[in-house]
């Protein structure tokens, strides 16, 4: 009898060179309270209006970029 994982082995002719890692990843959103300085909040709200995206989405993106650049603390 054939083992189950053998049915799902990838063939060598599959080309993933143009694949995008994490394309379908959806992080879980968590509701929290965060106290920010007024000028910071106003900055992100203004910038989000210019970019036509939500200010929380923009802040999340900026924080994620900061983390991915390897910053461990301020």
Protein backbone atom coordinates (compact mmCIF):
# COMPACT_ATOMS: atom_id res chain seq x y z
CA UNK A 1 0.00 0.00 0.00
CA UNK A 2 1.26 3.46 -0.94
CA UNK A 3 2.01 5.86 1.91
CA UNK A 4 -0.21 8.94 2.02
CA UNK A 5 2.56 11.56 1.73
CA UNK A 6 3.77 10.02 -1.52
CA UNK A 7 0.53 11.11 -3.17
CA UNK A 8 1.43 14.74 -2.52
CA UNK A 9 5.07 14.86 -3.53
CA UNK A 10 6.00 17.74 -5.86
CA UNK A 11 7.32 16.91 -9.27
CA UNK A 12 10.56 18.48 -10.43
CA UNK A 13 8.87 20.34 -13.31
CA UNK A 14 6.94 22.65 -10.95
CA UNK A 15 8.45 26.13 -11.04
CA UNK A 16 8.00 28.26 -7.93
CA UNK A 17 10.61 30.87 -8.87
CA UNK A 18 7.90 33.53 -9.23
CA UNK A 19 5.97 32.46 -6.14
CA UNK A 20 5.25 34.92 -3.37
CA UNK A 21 5.95 33.72 0.17
CA UNK A 22 3.10 34.36 2.57
CA UNK A 23 0.72 35.54 -0.15
CA UNK A 24 -2.33 34.05 1.54
CA UNK A 25 -1.17 34.67 5.12
CA UNK A 26 -3.74 36.60 7.16
CA UNK A 27 -2.48 37.58 10.60
CA UNK A 28 -5.00 37.47 13.41
CA UNK A 29 -6.10 40.94 14.49
CA UNK A 30 -6.22 41.62 18.22
CA UNK A 31 -8.21 44.42 19.78
CA UNK A 32 -6.14 46.44 22.25
CA UNK A 33 -5.91 49.87 23.84
CA UNK A 34 -2.85 51.90 22.93
CA UNK A 35 -2.05 55.38 24.16
CA UNK A 36 -0.25 57.49 21.55
CA UNK A 37 0.90 61.08 21.47
CA UNK A 38 -1.55 63.28 19.60
CA UNK A 39 1.01 64.40 17.00
CA UNK A 40 1.83 60.80 16.10
CA UNK A 41 -1.82 59.87 15.65
CA UNK A 42 -2.49 62.99 13.56
CA UNK A 43 0.54 62.24 11.39
CA UNK A 44 -0.66 58.72 10.58
CA UNK A 45 -4.23 59.83 10.00
CA UNK A 46 -3.05 62.52 7.55
CA UNK A 47 -0.69 60.13 5.78
CA UNK A 48 -3.36 57.44 5.58
CA UNK A 49 -5.74 59.91 3.92
CA UNK A 50 -3.08 60.74 1.32
CA UNK A 51 -2.37 57.05 0.67
CA UNK A 52 -6.07 56.13 0.80
CA UNK A 53 -5.63 53.35 3.37
CA UNK A 54 -6.75 53.08 6.98
CA UNK A 55 -4.48 54.71 9.55
CA UNK A 56 -4.39 51.55 11.69
CA UNK A 57 -3.38 49.51 8.64
CA UNK A 58 -0.64 52.04 7.91
CA UNK A 59 0.64 51.99 11.50
CA UNK A 60 0.62 48.18 11.47
CA UNK A 61 2.62 48.16 8.24
CA UNK A 62 5.21 50.61 9.60
CA UNK A 63 5.61 48.57 12.79
CA UNK A 64 5.92 45.32 10.82
CA UNK A 65 8.62 46.86 8.60
CA UNK A 66 10.48 48.01 11.72
CA UNK A 67 10.38 44.50 13.21
CA UNK A 68 11.44 42.83 9.94
CA UNK A 69 14.44 45.15 9.63
CA UNK A 70 15.80 43.47 12.75
CA UNK A 71 15.20 46.12 15.38
CA UNK A 72 14.94 44.45 18.76
CA UNK A 73 14.10 47.51 20.86
CA UNK A 74 14.05 51.30 20.77
